[in-house]
Amino acid sequence: MKRTIPFKYSDCGVRHATTIAGSRWKLIIVYALRERTMRFGQLHAIVGNISSKVLTNCLRELEADEVLVRNAVSPSRVEYSLTEVGRALVPILVELVKWDKKFFPQAVEQVA
C-alpha cells in the first residue's frame, strides 16, 4: 500500500506569498500602481484611509520584496512603480476583484 505524506501548510507556497502580500494594504497598493507610476501623495490619496506611517512601511516592505521600485527623481520627488514581480501580481488581483464582484456584489470597490 502506498503511503501518503500529509500536506503541510507550512511548506505551501501560499504561506510565502502571504508573507509578501502581508498586510491588508499591500495588495491595494500594488493594484493602485497597476497602470502607472505614482508619487507618495498620489498613492496616499488613492489608497485612502491609511496613515502616512503605515503607507511608508508598506512601501518599504514591498520594495524590499522587489514588488515595487522607488525612484528618487529629485531630492523632493520620489516615484513608485511595479517591478516584473509586481506586474505579475496584477492578473491575480484582477481575478480577485472578479471573484469579489461575483460573490460580494454589495461590496464597494475601494481602489479605482
PDB file of N, CA and C in Angstrom:
ATOM      1  N   MET A   1       0.835  -1.173   0.000  1.00  0.00           N
ATOM      2  CA  MET A   1       0.000   0.000   0.000  1.00  0.00           C
ATOM      3  C   MET A   1       0.887   1.247   0.000  1.00  0.00           C
ATOM      4  N   LYS A   2       0.540   2.185  -0.874  1.00  0.00           N
ATOM      5  CA  LYS A   2       1.294   3.426  -0.982  1.00  0.00           C
ATOM      6  C   LYS A   2       0.932   4.352   0.180  1.00  0.00           C
ATOM      7  N   ARG A   3       1.959   4.870   0.790  1.00  0.00           N
ATOM      8  CA  ARG A   3       1.755   5.770   1.919  1.00  0.00           C
ATOM      9  C   ARG A   3       1.664   7.212   1.428  1.00  0.00           C
ATOM     10  N   THR A   4       0.678   7.922   1.888  1.00  0.00           N
ATOM     11  CA  THR A   4       0.501   9.317   1.513  1.00  0.00           C
ATOM     12  C   THR A   4       1.105  10.207   2.589  1.00  0.00           C
ATOM     13  N   ILE A   5       1.939  11.129   2.140  1.00  0.00           N
ATOM     14  CA  ILE A   5       2.523  12.081   3.078  1.00  0.00           C
ATOM     15  C   ILE A   5       1.539  13.226   3.236  1.00  0.00           C
ATOM     16  N   PRO A   6       1.173  13.535   4.475  1.00  0.00           N
ATOM     17  CA  PRO A   6       0.201  14.622   4.661  1.00  0.00           C
ATOM     18  C   PRO A   6       0.756  15.961   4.187  1.00  0.00           C
ATOM     19  N   PHE A   7      -0.130  16.738   3.611  1.00  0.00           N
ATOM     20  CA  PHE A   7       0.234  18.064   3.113  1.00  0.00           C
ATOM     21  C   PHE A   7       0.463  18.989   4.299  1.00  0.00           C
ATOM     22  N   LYS A   8       1.545  19.729   4.265  1.00  0.00           N
ATOM     23  CA  LYS A   8       1.840  20.681   5.331  1.00  0.00           C
ATOM     24  C   LYS A   8       1.657  22.094   4.796  1.00  0.00           C
ATOM     25  N   TYR A   9       0.785  22.832   5.424  1.00  0.00           N
ATOM     26  CA  TYR A   9       0.589  24.216   5.005  1.00  0.00           C
ATOM     27  C   TYR A   9       1.826  25.061   5.268  1.00  0.00           C
ATOM     28  N   SER A  10       2.649  24.630   6.203  1.00  0.00           N
ATOM     29  CA  SER A  10       3.872  25.387   6.479  1.00  0.00           C
ATOM     30  C   SER A  10       4.849  25.316   5.307  1.00  0.00           C
ATOM     31  N   ASP A  11       4.704  24.304   4.457  1.00  0.00           N
ATOM     32  CA  ASP A  11       5.571  24.152   3.287  1.00  0.00           C
ATOM     33  C   ASP A  11       4.929  24.704   2.012  1.00  0.00           C
ATOM     34  N   CYS A  12       3.755  25.239   2.129  1.00  0.00           N
ATOM     35  CA  CYS A  12       2.965  25.662   0.977  1.00  0.00           C
ATOM     36  C   CYS A  12       3.416  27.027   0.463  1.00  0.00           C
ATOM     37  N   GLY A  13       3.385  27.203  -0.852  1.00  0.00           N
ATOM     38  CA  GLY A  13       3.724  28.487  -1.448  1.00  0.00           C
ATOM     39  C   GLY A  13       2.786  29.605  -1.033  1.00  0.00           C
ATOM     40  N   VAL A  14       1.584  29.242  -0.610  1.00  0.00           N
ATOM     41  CA  VAL A  14       0.633  30.251  -0.149  1.00  0.00           C
ATOM     42  C   VAL A  14       1.191  30.975   1.073  1.00  0.00           C
ATOM     43  N   ARG A  15       1.875  30.248   1.940  1.00  0.00           N
ATOM     44  CA  ARG A  15       2.455  30.865   3.137  1.00  0.00           C
ATOM     45  C   ARG A  15       3.460  31.945   2.737  1.00  0.00           C
ATOM     46  N   HIS A  16       4.349  31.622   1.807  1.00  0.00           N
ATOM     47  CA  HIS A  16       5.343  32.609   1.377  1.00  0.00           C
ATOM     48  C   HIS A  16       4.668  33.788   0.687  1.00  0.00           C
ATOM     49  N   ALA A  17       3.710  33.502  -0.168  1.00  0.00           N
ATOM     50  CA  ALA A  17       3.006  34.580  -0.878  1.00  0.00           C
ATOM     51  C   ALA A  17       2.291  35.510   0.093  1.00  0.00           C
ATOM     52  N   THR A  18       1.701  34.948   1.142  1.00  0.00           N
ATOM     53  CA  THR A  18       1.002  35.800   2.100  1.00  0.00           C
ATOM     54  C   THR A  18       1.963  36.599   2.965  1.00  0.00           C
ATOM     55  N   THR A  19       3.183  36.139   3.130  1.00  0.00           N
ATOM     56  CA  THR A  19       4.149  36.966   3.863  1.00  0.00           C
ATOM     57  C   THR A  19       4.530  38.184   3.034  1.00  0.00           C
ATOM     58  N   ILE A  20       4.561  38.029   1.724  1.00  0.00           N
ATOM     59  CA  ILE A  20       4.856  39.172   0.854  1.00  0.00           C
ATOM     60  C   ILE A  20       3.635  40.088   0.778  1.00  0.00           C
ATOM     61  N   ALA A  21       2.466  39.507   0.564  1.00  0.00           N
ATOM     62  CA  ALA A  21       1.239  40.308   0.499  1.00  0.00           C
ATOM     63  C   ALA A  21       0.944  40.918   1.864  1.00  0.00           C
ATOM     64  N   GLY A  22       1.209  40.149   2.894  1.00  0.00           N
ATOM     65  CA  GLY A  22       1.197  40.605   4.273  1.00  0.00           C
ATOM     66  C   GLY A  22      -0.016  41.358   4.751  1.00  0.00           C
ATOM     67  N   SER A  23       0.107  42.642   4.805  1.00  0.00           N
ATOM     68  CA  SER A  23      -0.932  43.474   5.409  1.00  0.00           C
ATOM     69  C   SER A  23      -2.120  43.648   4.474  1.00  0.00           C
ATOM     70  N   ARG A  24      -3.168  44.193   5.024  1.00  0.00           N
ATOM     71  CA  ARG A  24      -4.364  44.435   4.209  1.00  0.00           C
ATOM     72  C   ARG A  24      -4.125  45.519   3.172  1.00  0.00           C
ATOM     73  N   TRP A  25      -3.056  46.278   3.305  1.00  0.00           N
ATOM     74  CA  TRP A  25      -2.800  47.403   2.412  1.00  0.00           C
ATOM     75  C   TRP A  25      -1.931  47.065   1.213  1.00  0.00           C
ATOM     76  N   LYS A  26      -1.070  46.092   1.321  1.00  0.00           N
ATOM     77  CA  LYS A  26      -0.065  45.868   0.276  1.00  0.00           C
ATOM     78  C   LYS A  26      -0.667  45.541  -1.086  1.00  0.00           C
ATOM     79  N   LEU A  27      -1.655  44.677  -1.111  1.00  0.00           N
ATOM     80  CA  LEU A  27      -2.255  44.327  -2.404  1.00  0.00           C
ATOM     81  C   LEU A  27      -3.032  45.500  -2.986  1.00  0.00           C
ATOM     82  N   ILE A  28      -3.597  46.335  -2.125  1.00  0.00           N
ATOM     83  CA  ILE A  28      -4.279  47.543  -2.601  1.00  0.00           C
ATOM     84  C   ILE A  28      -3.270  48.486  -3.240  1.00  0.00           C
ATOM     85  N   ILE A  29      -2.096  48.602  -2.640  1.00  0.00           N
ATOM     86  CA  ILE A  29      -1.029  49.446  -3.196  1.00  0.00           C
ATOM     87  C   ILE A  29      -0.598  48.918  -4.558  1.00  0.00           C
ATOM     88  N   VAL A  30      -0.394  47.611  -4.658  1.00  0.00           N
ATOM     89  CA  VAL A  30       0.002  47.010  -5.942  1.00  0.00           C
ATOM     90  C   VAL A  30      -1.086  47.250  -6.983  1.00  0.00           C
ATOM     91  N   TYR A  31      -2.339  47.058  -6.599  1.00  0.00           N
ATOM     92  CA  TYR A  31      -3.447  47.273  -7.530  1.00  0.00           C
ATOM     93  C   TYR A  31      -3.506  48.729  -7.979  1.00  0.00           C
ATOM     94  N   ALA A  32      -3.239  49.644  -7.061  1.00  0.00           N
ATOM     95  CA  ALA A  32      -3.243  51.074  -7.404  1.00  0.00           C
ATOM     96  C   ALA A  32      -2.137  51.422  -8.392  1.00  0.00           C
ATOM     97  N   LEU A  33      -1.014  50.729  -8.304  1.00  0.00           N
ATOM     98  CA  LEU A  33       0.130  51.002  -9.185  1.00  0.00           C
ATOM     99  C   LEU A  33       0.067  50.223 -10.500  1.00  0.00           C
ATOM    100  N   ARG A  34      -0.999  49.481 -10.723  1.00  0.00           N
ATOM    101  CA  ARG A  34      -1.063  48.577 -11.877  1.00  0.00           C
ATOM    102  C   ARG A  34      -0.960  49.279 -13.222  1.00  0.00           C
ATOM    103  N   GLU A  35      -1.393  50.532 -13.311  1.00  0.00           N
ATOM    104  CA  GLU A  35      -1.422  51.208 -14.614  1.00  0.00           C
ATOM    105  C   GLU A  35      -0.393  52.310 -14.776  1.00  0.00           C
ATOM    106  N   ARG A  36       0.152  52.799 -13.658  1.00  0.00           N
ATOM    107  CA  ARG A  36       1.099  53.908 -13.805  1.00  0.00           C
ATOM    108  C   ARG A  36       1.970  54.079 -12.567  1.00  0.00           C
ATOM    109  N   THR A  37       3.034  54.815 -12.756  1.00  0.00           N
ATOM    110  CA  THR A  37       3.926  55.221 -11.684  1.00  0.00           C
ATOM    111  C   THR A  37       3.240  56.313 -10.875  1.00  0.00           C
ATOM    112  N   MET A  38       3.447  56.295  -9.559  1.00  0.00           N
ATOM    113  CA  MET A  38       2.818  57.308  -8.710  1.00  0.00           C
ATOM    114  C   MET A  38       3.773  57.808  -7.646  1.00  0.00           C
ATOM    115  N   ARG A  39       3.507  59.024  -7.222  1.00  0.00           N
ATOM    116  CA  ARG A  39       4.223  59.609  -6.097  1.00  0.00           C
ATOM    117  C   ARG A  39       3.505  59.226  -4.801  1.00  0.00           C
ATOM    118  N   PHE A  40       4.192  59.442  -3.691  1.00  0.00           N
ATOM    119  CA  PHE A  40       3.649  59.079  -2.383  1.00  0.00           C
ATOM    120  C   PHE A  40       2.275  59.709  -2.151  1.00  0.00           C
ATOM    121  N   GLY A  41       2.158  60.992  -2.399  1.00  0.00           N
ATOM    122  CA  GLY A  41       0.893  61.694  -2.168  1.00  0.00           C
ATOM    123  C   GLY A  41      -0.250  61.147  -3.009  1.00  0.00           C
ATOM    124  N   GLN A  42       0.051  60.777  -4.248  1.00  0.00           N
ATOM    125  CA  GLN A  42      -0.970  60.188  -5.119  1.00  0.00           C
ATOM    126  C   GLN A  42      -1.436  58.846  -4.560  1.00  0.00           C
ATOM    127  N   LEU A  43      -0.474  58.024  -4.150  1.00  0.00           N
ATOM    128  CA  LEU A  43      -0.815  56.725  -3.563  1.00  0.00           C
ATOM    129  C   LEU A  43      -1.637  56.913  -2.293  1.00  0.00           C
ATOM    130  N   HIS A  44      -1.215  57.837  -1.468  1.00  0.00           N
ATOM    131  CA  HIS A  44      -1.917  58.090  -0.206  1.00  0.00           C
ATOM    132  C   HIS A  44      -3.368  58.475  -0.473  1.00  0.00           C
ATOM    133  N   ALA A  45      -3.596  59.309  -1.469  1.00  0.00           N
ATOM    134  CA  ALA A  45      -4.955  59.745  -1.809  1.00  0.00           C
ATOM    135  C   ALA A  45      -5.788  58.603  -2.388  1.00  0.00           C
ATOM    136  N   ILE A  46      -5.191  57.796  -3.248  1.00  0.00           N
ATOM    137  CA  ILE A  46      -5.928  56.712  -3.905  1.00  0.00           C
ATOM    138  C   ILE A  46      -6.222  55.572  -2.941  1.00  0.00           C
ATOM    139  N   VAL A  47      -5.237  55.177  -2.163  1.00  0.00           N
ATOM    140  CA  VAL A  47      -5.432  54.072  -1.220  1.00  0.00           C
ATOM    141  C   VAL A  47      -6.433  54.495  -0.152  1.00  0.00           C
ATOM    142  N   GLY A  48      -6.309  55.713   0.335  1.00  0.00           N
ATOM    143  CA  GLY A  48      -7.269  56.248   1.294  1.00  0.00           C
ATOM    144  C   GLY A  48      -7.274  55.522   2.625  1.00  0.00           C
ATOM    145  N   ASN A  49      -7.636  56.237   3.664  1.00  0.00           N
ATOM    146  CA  ASN A  49      -7.820  55.664   4.999  1.00  0.00           C
ATOM    147  C   ASN A  49      -6.602  54.888   5.504  1.00  0.00           C
ATOM    148  N   ILE A  50      -5.419  55.328   5.146  1.00  0.00           N
ATOM    149  CA  ILE A  50      -4.174  54.722   5.603  1.00  0.00           C
ATOM    150  C   ILE A  50      -3.286  55.854   6.115  1.00  0.00           C
ATOM    151  N   SER A  51      -2.632  55.621   7.228  1.00  0.00           N
ATOM    152  CA  SER A  51      -1.753  56.664   7.756  1.00  0.00           C
ATOM    153  C   SER A  51      -0.482  56.734   6.914  1.00  0.00           C
ATOM    154  N   SER A  52       0.168  57.863   6.939  1.00  0.00           N
ATOM    155  CA  SER A  52       1.424  58.029   6.198  1.00  0.00           C
ATOM    156  C   SER A  52       2.474  57.042   6.685  1.00  0.00           C
ATOM    157  N   LYS A  53       2.497  56.805   7.990  1.00  0.00           N
ATOM    158  CA  LYS A  53       3.469  55.873   8.570  1.00  0.00           C
ATOM    159  C   LYS A  53       3.255  54.451   8.050  1.00  0.00           C
ATOM    160  N   VAL A  54       2.014  54.005   8.038  1.00  0.00           N
ATOM    161  CA  VAL A  54       1.705  52.650   7.554  1.00  0.00           C
ATOM    162  C   VAL A  54       2.006  52.541   6.062  1.00  0.00           C
ATOM    163  N   LEU A  55       1.639  53.555   5.284  1.00  0.00           N
ATOM    164  CA  LEU A  55       1.931  53.542   3.852  1.00  0.00           C
ATOM    165  C   LEU A  55       3.435  53.479   3.617  1.00  0.00           C
ATOM    166  N   THR A  56       4.187  54.273   4.351  1.00  0.00           N
ATOM    167  CA  THR A  56       5.648  54.261   4.226  1.00  0.00           C
ATOM    168  C   THR A  56       6.207  52.883   4.533  1.00  0.00           C
ATOM    169  N   ASN A  57       5.741  52.266   5.616  1.00  0.00           N
ATOM    170  CA  ASN A  57       6.221  50.926   5.977  1.00  0.00           C
ATOM    171  C   ASN A  57       5.872  49.897   4.909  1.00  0.00           C
ATOM    172  N   CYS A  58       4.654  49.957   4.388  1.00  0.00           N
ATOM    173  CA  CYS A  58       4.243  49.019   3.333  1.00  0.00           C
ATOM    174  C   CYS A  58       5.096  49.202   2.081  1.00  0.00           C
ATOM    175  N   LEU A  59       5.336  50.441   1.697  1.00  0.00           N
ATOM    176  CA  LEU A  59       6.155  50.712   0.511  1.00  0.00           C
ATOM    177  C   LEU A  59       7.572  50.187   0.705  1.00  0.00           C
ATOM    178  N   ARG A  60       8.134  50.374   1.885  1.00  0.00           N
ATOM    179  CA  ARG A  60       9.485  49.866   2.167  1.00  0.00           C
ATOM    180  C   ARG A  60       9.534  48.342   2.096  1.00  0.00           C
ATOM    181  N   GLU A  61       8.522  47.688   2.661  1.00  0.00           N
ATOM    182  CA  GLU A  61       8.479  46.226   2.628  1.00  0.00           C
ATOM    183  C   GLU A  61       8.288  45.711   1.203  1.00  0.00           C
ATOM    184  N   LEU A  62       7.416  46.342   0.438  1.00  0.00           N
ATOM    185  CA  LEU A  62       7.215  45.932  -0.957  1.00  0.00           C
ATOM    186  C   LEU A  62       8.477  46.162  -1.782  1.00  0.00           C
ATOM    187  N   GLU A  63       9.204  47.213  -1.479  1.00  0.00           N
ATOM    188  CA  GLU A  63      10.476  47.463  -2.163  1.00  0.00           C
ATOM    189  C   GLU A  63      11.500  46.396  -1.775  1.00  0.00           C
ATOM    190  N   ALA A  64      11.565  46.052  -0.498  1.00  0.00           N
ATOM    191  CA  ALA A  64      12.499  45.019  -0.035  1.00  0.00           C
ATOM    192  C   ALA A  64      12.182  43.664  -0.661  1.00  0.00           C
ATOM    193  N   ASP A  65      10.900  43.397  -0.897  1.00  0.00           N
ATOM    194  CA  ASP A  65      10.476  42.143  -1.533  1.00  0.00           C
ATOM    195  C   ASP A  65      10.525  42.214  -3.053  1.00  0.00           C
ATOM    196  N   GLU A  66      11.019  43.329  -3.591  1.00  0.00           N
ATOM    197  CA  GLU A  66      11.188  43.542  -5.029  1.00  0.00           C
ATOM    198  C   GLU A  66       9.876  43.517  -5.800  1.00  0.00           C
ATOM    199  N   VAL A  67       8.804  43.938  -5.137  1.00  0.00           N
ATOM    200  CA  VAL A  67       7.499  44.034  -5.778  1.00  0.00           C
ATOM    201  C   VAL A  67       7.354  45.390  -6.461  1.00  0.00           C
ATOM    202  N   LEU A  68       7.973  46.402  -5.866  1.00  0.00           N
ATOM    203  CA  LEU A  68       7.973  47.726  -6.479  1.00  0.00           C
ATOM    204  C   LEU A  68       9.356  48.340  -6.360  1.00  0.00           C
ATOM    205  N   VAL A  69       9.551  49.394  -7.117  1.00  0.00           N
ATOM    206  CA  VAL A  69      10.822  50.111  -7.093  1.00  0.00           C
ATOM    207  C   VAL A  69      10.543  51.563  -6.736  1.00  0.00           C
ATOM    208  N   ARG A  70      11.428  52.113  -5.929  1.00  0.00           N
ATOM    209  CA  ARG A  70      11.356  53.519  -5.511  1.00  0.00           C
ATOM    210  C   ARG A  70      12.395  54.278  -6.317  1.00  0.00           C
ATOM    211  N   ASN A  71      11.952  55.291  -7.043  1.00  0.00           N
ATOM    212  CA  ASN A  71      12.851  56.068  -7.886  1.00  0.00           C
ATOM    213  C   ASN A  71      12.858  57.519  -7.417  1.00  0.00           C
ATOM    214  N   ALA A  72      14.010  57.963  -6.913  1.00  0.00           N
ATOM    215  CA  ALA A  72      14.150  59.356  -6.479  1.00  0.00           C
ATOM    216  C   ALA A  72      14.464  60.207  -7.702  1.00  0.00           C
ATOM    217  N   VAL A  73      13.462  60.904  -8.203  1.00  0.00           N
ATOM    218  CA  VAL A  73      13.604  61.746  -9.389  1.00  0.00           C
ATOM    219  C   VAL A  73      14.402  62.996  -9.047  1.00  0.00           C
ATOM    220  N   SER A  74      14.147  63.540  -7.874  1.00  0.00           N
ATOM    221  CA  SER A  74      14.886  64.684  -7.342  1.00  0.00           C
ATOM    222  C   SER A  74      14.851  64.546  -5.820  1.00  0.00           C
ATOM    223  N   PRO A  75      15.583  65.381  -5.098  1.00  0.00           N
ATOM    224  CA  PRO A  75      15.559  65.246  -3.632  1.00  0.00           C
ATOM    225  C   PRO A  75      14.161  65.324  -3.017  1.00  0.00           C
ATOM    226  N   SER A  76      13.274  66.042  -3.650  1.00  0.00           N
ATOM    227  CA  SER A  76      11.924  66.189  -3.095  1.00  0.00           C
ATOM    228  C   SER A  76      10.861  65.396  -3.855  1.00  0.00           C
ATOM    229  N   ARG A  77      11.266  64.604  -4.831  1.00  0.00           N
ATOM    230  CA  ARG A  77      10.288  63.870  -5.642  1.00  0.00           C
ATOM    231  C   ARG A  77      10.692  62.406  -5.760  1.00  0.00           C
ATOM    232  N   VAL A  78       9.830  61.548  -5.227  1.00  0.00           N
ATOM    233  CA  VAL A  78      10.046  60.102  -5.277  1.00  0.00           C
ATOM    234  C   VAL A  78       8.845  59.472  -5.964  1.00  0.00           C
ATOM    235  N   GLU A  79       9.110  58.539  -6.863  1.00  0.00           N
ATOM    236  CA  GLU A  79       8.038  57.838  -7.569  1.00  0.00           C
ATOM    237  C   GLU A  79       8.143  56.343  -7.300  1.00  0.00           C
ATOM    238  N   TYR A  80       7.001  55.690  -7.325  1.00  0.00           N
ATOM    239  CA  TYR A  80       6.931  54.248  -7.116  1.00  0.00           C
ATOM    240  C   TYR A  80       6.312  53.599  -8.343  1.00  0.00           C
ATOM    241  N   SER A  81       6.891  52.477  -8.749  1.00  0.00           N
ATOM    242  CA  SER A  81       6.335  51.716  -9.867  1.00  0.00           C
ATOM    243  C   SER A  81       6.564  50.234  -9.610  1.00  0.00           C
ATOM    244  N   LEU A  82       5.786  49.415 -10.290  1.00  0.00           N
ATOM    245  CA  LEU A  82       5.884  47.971 -10.112  1.00  0.00           C
ATOM    246  C   LEU A  82       7.078  47.407 -10.858  1.00  0.00           C
ATOM    247  N   THR A  83       7.674  46.399 -10.272  1.00  0.00           N
ATOM    248  CA  THR A  83       8.725  45.627 -10.932  1.00  0.00           C
ATOM    249  C   THR A  83       8.055  44.497 -11.712  1.00  0.00           C
ATOM    250  N   GLU A  84       8.847  43.655 -12.318  1.00  0.00           N
ATOM    251  CA  GLU A  84       8.304  42.476 -13.004  1.00  0.00           C
ATOM    252  C   GLU A  84       7.529  41.607 -12.017  1.00  0.00           C
ATOM    253  N   VAL A  85       8.056  41.472 -10.809  1.00  0.00           N
ATOM    254  CA  VAL A  85       7.381  40.689  -9.766  1.00  0.00           C
ATOM    255  C   VAL A  85       6.016  41.305  -9.447  1.00  0.00           C
ATOM    256  N   GLY A  86       5.977  42.612  -9.289  1.00  0.00           N
ATOM    257  CA  GLY A  86       4.721  43.298  -9.001  1.00  0.00           C
ATOM    258  C   GLY A  86       3.730  43.214 -10.144  1.00  0.00           C
ATOM    259  N   ARG A  87       4.232  43.389 -11.373  1.00  0.00           N
ATOM    260  CA  ARG A  87       3.343  43.299 -12.546  1.00  0.00           C
ATOM    261  C   ARG A  87       2.763  41.896 -12.690  1.00  0.00           C
ATOM    262  N   ALA A  88       3.502  40.882 -12.263  1.00  0.00           N
ATOM    263  CA  ALA A  88       2.995  39.508 -12.332  1.00  0.00           C
ATOM    264  C   ALA A  88       1.836  39.291 -11.357  1.00  0.00           C
ATOM    265  N   LEU A  89       1.743  40.118 -10.334  1.00  0.00           N
ATOM    266  CA  LEU A  89       0.627  40.031  -9.382  1.00  0.00           C
ATOM    267  C   LEU A  89      -0.665  40.619  -9.937  1.00  0.00           C
ATOM    268  N   VAL A  90      -0.573  41.530 -10.879  1.00  0.00           N
ATOM    269  CA  VAL A  90      -1.748  42.261 -11.366  1.00  0.00           C
ATOM    270  C   VAL A  90      -2.839  41.332 -11.904  1.00  0.00           C
ATOM    271  N   PRO A  91      -2.539  40.361 -12.782  1.00  0.00           N
ATOM    272  CA  PRO A  91      -3.620  39.482 -13.259  1.00  0.00           C
ATOM    273  C   PRO A  91      -4.282  38.696 -12.123  1.00  0.00           C
ATOM    274  N   ILE A  92      -3.520  38.350 -11.111  1.00  0.00           N
ATOM    275  CA  ILE A  92      -4.080  37.648  -9.953  1.00  0.00           C
ATOM    276  C   ILE A  92      -5.043  38.571  -9.212  1.00  0.00           C
ATOM    277  N   LEU A  93      -4.649  39.826  -9.055  1.00  0.00           N
ATOM    278  CA  LEU A  93      -5.514  40.792  -8.373  1.00  0.00           C
ATOM    279  C   LEU A  93      -6.767  41.089  -9.183  1.00  0.00           C
ATOM    280  N   VAL A  94      -6.637  41.137 -10.505  1.00  0.00           N
ATOM    281  CA  VAL A  94      -7.810  41.342 -11.368  1.00  0.00           C
ATOM    282  C   VAL A  94      -8.797  40.192 -11.167  1.00  0.00           C
ATOM    283  N   GLU A  95      -8.299  38.968 -11.099  1.00  0.00           N
ATOM    284  CA  GLU A  95      -9.167  37.810 -10.852  1.00  0.00           C
ATOM    285  C   GLU A  95      -9.789  37.883  -9.462  1.00  0.00           C
ATOM    286  N   LEU A  96      -9.034  38.360  -8.487  1.00  0.00           N
ATOM    287  CA  LEU A  96      -9.559  38.524  -7.132  1.00  0.00           C
ATOM    288  C   LEU A  96     -10.694  39.549  -7.112  1.00  0.00           C
ATOM    289  N   VAL A  97     -10.551  40.626  -7.881  1.00  0.00           N
ATOM    290  CA  VAL A  97     -11.614  41.632  -7.995  1.00  0.00           C
ATOM    291  C   VAL A  97     -12.856  40.999  -8.633  1.00  0.00           C
ATOM    292  N   LYS A  98     -12.668  40.184  -9.679  1.00  0.00           N
ATOM    293  CA  LYS A  98     -13.802  39.498 -10.320  1.00  0.00           C
ATOM    294  C   LYS A  98     -14.506  38.578  -9.321  1.00  0.00           C
ATOM    295  N   TRP A  99     -13.723  37.840  -8.546  1.00  0.00           N
ATOM    296  CA  TRP A  99     -14.268  36.949  -7.526  1.00  0.00           C
ATOM    297  C   TRP A  99     -15.095  37.746  -6.516  1.00  0.00           C
ATOM    298  N   ASP A 100     -14.544  38.871  -6.072  1.00  0.00           N
ATOM    299  CA  ASP A 100     -15.235  39.720  -5.102  1.00  0.00           C
ATOM    300  C   ASP A 100     -16.560  40.234  -5.667  1.00  0.00           C
ATOM    301  N   LYS A 101     -16.538  40.695  -6.915  1.00  0.00           N
ATOM    302  CA  LYS A 101     -17.756  41.223  -7.536  1.00  0.00           C
ATOM    303  C   LYS A 101     -18.811  40.133  -7.728  1.00  0.00           C
ATOM    304  N   LYS A 102     -18.356  38.915  -8.014  1.00  0.00           N
ATOM    305  CA  LYS A 102     -19.292  37.812  -8.234  1.00  0.00           C
ATOM    306  C   LYS A 102     -19.969  37.378  -6.932  1.00  0.00           C
ATOM    307  N   PHE A 103     -19.182  37.223  -5.881  1.00  0.00           N
ATOM    308  CA  PHE A 103     -19.718  36.671  -4.646  1.00  0.00           C
ATOM    309  C   PHE A 103     -20.109  37.716  -3.600  1.00  0.00           C
ATOM    310  N   PHE A 104     -19.645  38.928  -3.773  1.00  0.00           N
ATOM    311  CA  PHE A 104     -19.962  40.001  -2.831  1.00  0.00           C
ATOM    312  C   PHE A 104     -20.343  41.266  -3.602  1.00  0.00           C
ATOM    313  N   PRO A 105     -21.402  41.196  -4.412  1.00  0.00           N
ATOM    314  CA  PRO A 105     -21.749  42.330  -5.277  1.00  0.00           C
ATOM    315  C   PRO A 105     -22.102  43.597  -4.504  1.00  0.00           C
ATOM    316  N   GLN A 106     -22.481  43.463  -3.249  1.00  0.00           N
ATOM    317  CA  GLN A 106     -22.833  44.632  -2.451  1.00  0.00           C
ATOM    318  C   GLN A 106     -21.598  45.390  -1.966  1.00  0.00           C
ATOM    319  N   ALA A 107     -20.434  44.777  -2.045  1.00  0.00           N
ATOM    320  CA  ALA A 107     -19.208  45.433  -1.578  1.00  0.00           C
ATOM    321  C   ALA A 107     -18.832  46.572  -2.518  1.00  0.00           C
ATOM    322  N   VAL A 108     -18.311  47.632  -1.955  1.00  0.00           N
ATOM    323  CA  VAL A 108     -17.883  48.789  -2.738  1.00  0.00           C
ATOM    324  C   VAL A 108     -16.399  48.652  -3.011  1.00  0.00           C
ATOM    325  N   GLU A 109     -16.025  48.755  -4.282  1.00  0.00           N
ATOM    326  CA  GLU A 109     -14.610  48.684  -4.644  1.00  0.00           C
ATOM    327  C   GLU A 109     -13.907  49.924  -4.096  1.00  0.00           C
ATOM    328  N   GLN A 110     -12.860  49.714  -3.313  1.00  0.00           N
ATOM    329  CA  GLN A 110     -12.162  50.811  -2.651  1.00  0.00           C
ATOM    330  C   GLN A 110     -11.093  51.445  -3.522  1.00  0.00           C
ATOM    331  N   VAL A 111     -10.555  50.694  -4.467  1.00  0.00           N
ATOM    332  CA  VAL A 111      -9.483  51.213  -5.319  1.00  0.00           C
ATOM    333  C   VAL A 111     -10.011  51.310  -6.737  1.00  0.00           C
ATOM    334  N   ALA A 112      -9.938  52.482  -7.311  1.00  0.00           N
ATOM    335  CA  ALA A 112     -10.432  52.668  -8.686  1.00  0.00           C
ATOM    336  C   ALA A 112      -9.401  52.244  -9.695  1.00  0.00           C
TER     337      ALA A 112
END
